[in-house]
C-alpha atoms as a PDB file:
ATOM      1  CA  MET A   1      32.533-226.545 202.460  1.00  0.00           C
ATOM      2  CA  LYS A   2      30.065-223.982 201.141  1.00  0.00           C
ATOM      3  CA  PHE A   3      28.877-223.792 197.544  1.00  0.00           C
ATOM      4  CA  GLU A   4      26.736-221.430 195.523  1.00  0.00           C
ATOM      5  CA  VAL A   5      24.173-223.473 193.593  1.00  0.00           C
ATOM      6  CA  GLU A   6      22.253-222.501 190.471  1.00  0.00           C
ATOM      7  CA  VAL A   7      19.301-224.723 189.602  1.00  0.00           C
ATOM      8  CA  LYS A   8      18.082-225.457 186.070  1.00  0.00           C
ATOM      9  CA  PHE A   9      14.775-227.300 185.779  1.00  0.00           C
ATOM     10  CA  HIS A  10      13.755-230.010 183.270  1.00  0.00           C
ATOM     11  CA  GLN A  11      17.376-231.143 182.894  1.00  0.00           C
ATOM     12  CA  ASP A  12      19.641-233.767 184.448  1.00  0.00           C
ATOM     13  CA  PHE A  13      23.269-232.774 185.005  1.00  0.00           C
ATOM     14  CA  ILE A  14      25.697-231.481 187.627  1.00  0.00           C
ATOM     15  CA  ILE A  15      28.693-229.211 187.009  1.00  0.00           C
ATOM     16  CA  VAL A  16      31.118-228.270 189.771  1.00  0.00           C
ATOM     17  CA  ASN A  17      33.456-225.333 189.164  1.00  0.00           C
ATOM     18  CA  GLY A  18      35.309-224.199 192.271  1.00  0.00           C
ATOM     19  CA  ASN A  19      32.725-223.176 194.846  1.00  0.00           C
ATOM     20  CA  LYS A  20      29.892-222.969 192.283  1.00  0.00           C
ATOM     21  CA  ILE A  21      27.579-225.817 191.313  1.00  0.00           C
ATOM     22  CA  ILE A  22      25.135-225.751 188.410  1.00  0.00           C
ATOM     23  CA  ILE A  23      22.639-228.587 188.670  1.00  0.00           C
ATOM     24  CA  GLY A  24      19.764-229.790 186.530  1.00  0.00           C
ATOM     25  CA  LEU A  25      16.710-231.141 188.324  1.00  0.00           C
ATOM     26  CA  SER A  26      13.743-233.043 186.958  1.00  0.00           C
ATOM     27  CA  SER A  27      11.522-232.666 190.050  1.00  0.00           C
ATOM     28  CA  LYS A  28       8.948-229.896 190.206  1.00  0.00           C
ATOM     29  CA  PRO A  29       9.733-227.085 192.641  1.00  0.00           C
ATOM     30  CA  GLU A  30       6.768-227.818 194.879  1.00  0.00           C
ATOM     31  CA  LYS A  31       6.532-229.179 198.416  1.00  0.00           C
ATOM     32  CA  GLY A  32      10.326-229.443 198.667  1.00  0.00           C
ATOM     33  CA  LYS A  33      10.646-232.150 195.999  1.00  0.00           C
ATOM     34  CA  ALA A  34      13.292-230.266 194.006  1.00  0.00           C
ATOM     35  CA  ASN A  35      15.300-229.529 197.159  1.00  0.00           C
ATOM     36  CA  LEU A  36      15.280-233.224 198.087  1.00  0.00           C
ATOM     37  CA  GLU A  37      16.484-234.155 194.589  1.00  0.00           C
ATOM     38  CA  LEU A  38      19.204-231.491 194.828  1.00  0.00           C
ATOM     39  CA  ILE A  39      20.425-232.848 198.179  1.00  0.00           C
ATOM     40  CA  LYS A  40      20.448-236.437 196.880  1.00  0.00           C
ATOM     41  CA  LYS A  41      22.385-235.538 193.717  1.00  0.00           C
ATOM     42  CA  ILE A  42      24.959-233.441 195.554  1.00  0.00           C
ATOM     43  CA  SER A  43      25.459-236.078 198.254  1.00  0.00           C
ATOM     44  CA  LYS A  44      26.030-238.712 195.564  1.00  0.00           C
ATOM     45  CA  LYS A  45      28.453-236.461 193.637  1.00  0.00           C
ATOM     46  CA  PHE A  46      30.540-235.729 196.749  1.00  0.00           C
ATOM     47  CA  ASP A  47      30.133-239.253 198.202  1.00  0.00           C
ATOM     48  CA  VAL A  48      28.630-238.085 201.501  1.00  0.00           C
ATOM     49  CA  SER A  49      25.424-238.856 203.366  1.00  0.00           C
ATOM     50  CA  SER A  50      22.430-236.740 202.384  1.00  0.00           C
ATOM     51  CA  SER A  51      22.229-235.643 206.033  1.00  0.00           C
ATOM     52  CA  GLN A  52      25.595-233.889 205.560  1.00  0.00           C
ATOM     53  CA  VAL A  53      24.193-231.598 202.824  1.00  0.00           C
ATOM     54  CA  LYS A  54      22.347-228.543 204.132  1.00  0.00           C
ATOM     55  CA  ILE A  55      20.605-225.738 202.239  1.00  0.00           C
ATOM     56  CA  ILE A  56      21.605-222.673 204.247  1.00  0.00           C
ATOM     57  CA  ALA A  57      20.116-219.982 201.975  1.00  0.00           C
ATOM     58  CA  GLY A  58      17.643-219.820 199.094  1.00  0.00           C
ATOM     59  CA  ALA A  59      15.437-222.807 199.889  1.00  0.00           C
ATOM     60  CA  LYS A  60      12.668-221.279 197.743  1.00  0.00           C
ATOM     61  CA  SER A  61      14.948-219.844 195.057  1.00  0.00           C
ATOM     62  CA  LYS A  62      16.805-221.108 191.985  1.00  0.00           C
ATOM     63  CA  ASN A  63      19.971-219.648 193.514  1.00  0.00           C
ATOM     64  CA  LYS A  64      20.952-221.371 196.740  1.00  0.00           C
ATOM     65  CA  VAL A  65      23.839-221.683 199.135  1.00  0.00           C
ATOM     66  CA  ILE A  66      24.540-225.172 200.417  1.00  0.00           C
ATOM     67  CA  GLU A  67      26.990-226.508 202.934  1.00  0.00           C
ATOM     68  CA  ILE A  68      28.511-229.961 203.004  1.00  0.00           C
ATOM     69  CA  VAL A  69      29.270-230.753 206.624  1.00  0.00           C
ATOM     70  CA  GLU A  70      32.370-232.844 207.244  1.00  0.00           C
ATOM     71  CA  ASN A  71      31.760-236.154 208.953  1.00  0.00           C
ATOM     72  CA  ARG A  72      33.467-235.731 212.325  1.00  0.00           C
ATOM     73  CA  ARG A  73      34.259-239.010 213.950  1.00  0.00           C
ATOM     74  CA  ALA A  74      35.668-239.205 217.458  1.00  0.00           C
END
């Protein structure tokens, strides 16, 4: 599943509307801290491992595209 993500800083919330997510982050956007917080919050919201959440575009932008990879068990 792919989602467009819009980041708002200095806030703490997550809104999912179709394939769009608006998320508030408290971490500063430096040294990947905000991206790590984003991955943790999204993985918790969708009840998946953080390793299943990938930022595929916009790693250094407030507008990102993420993918949640399905857990494929044999």
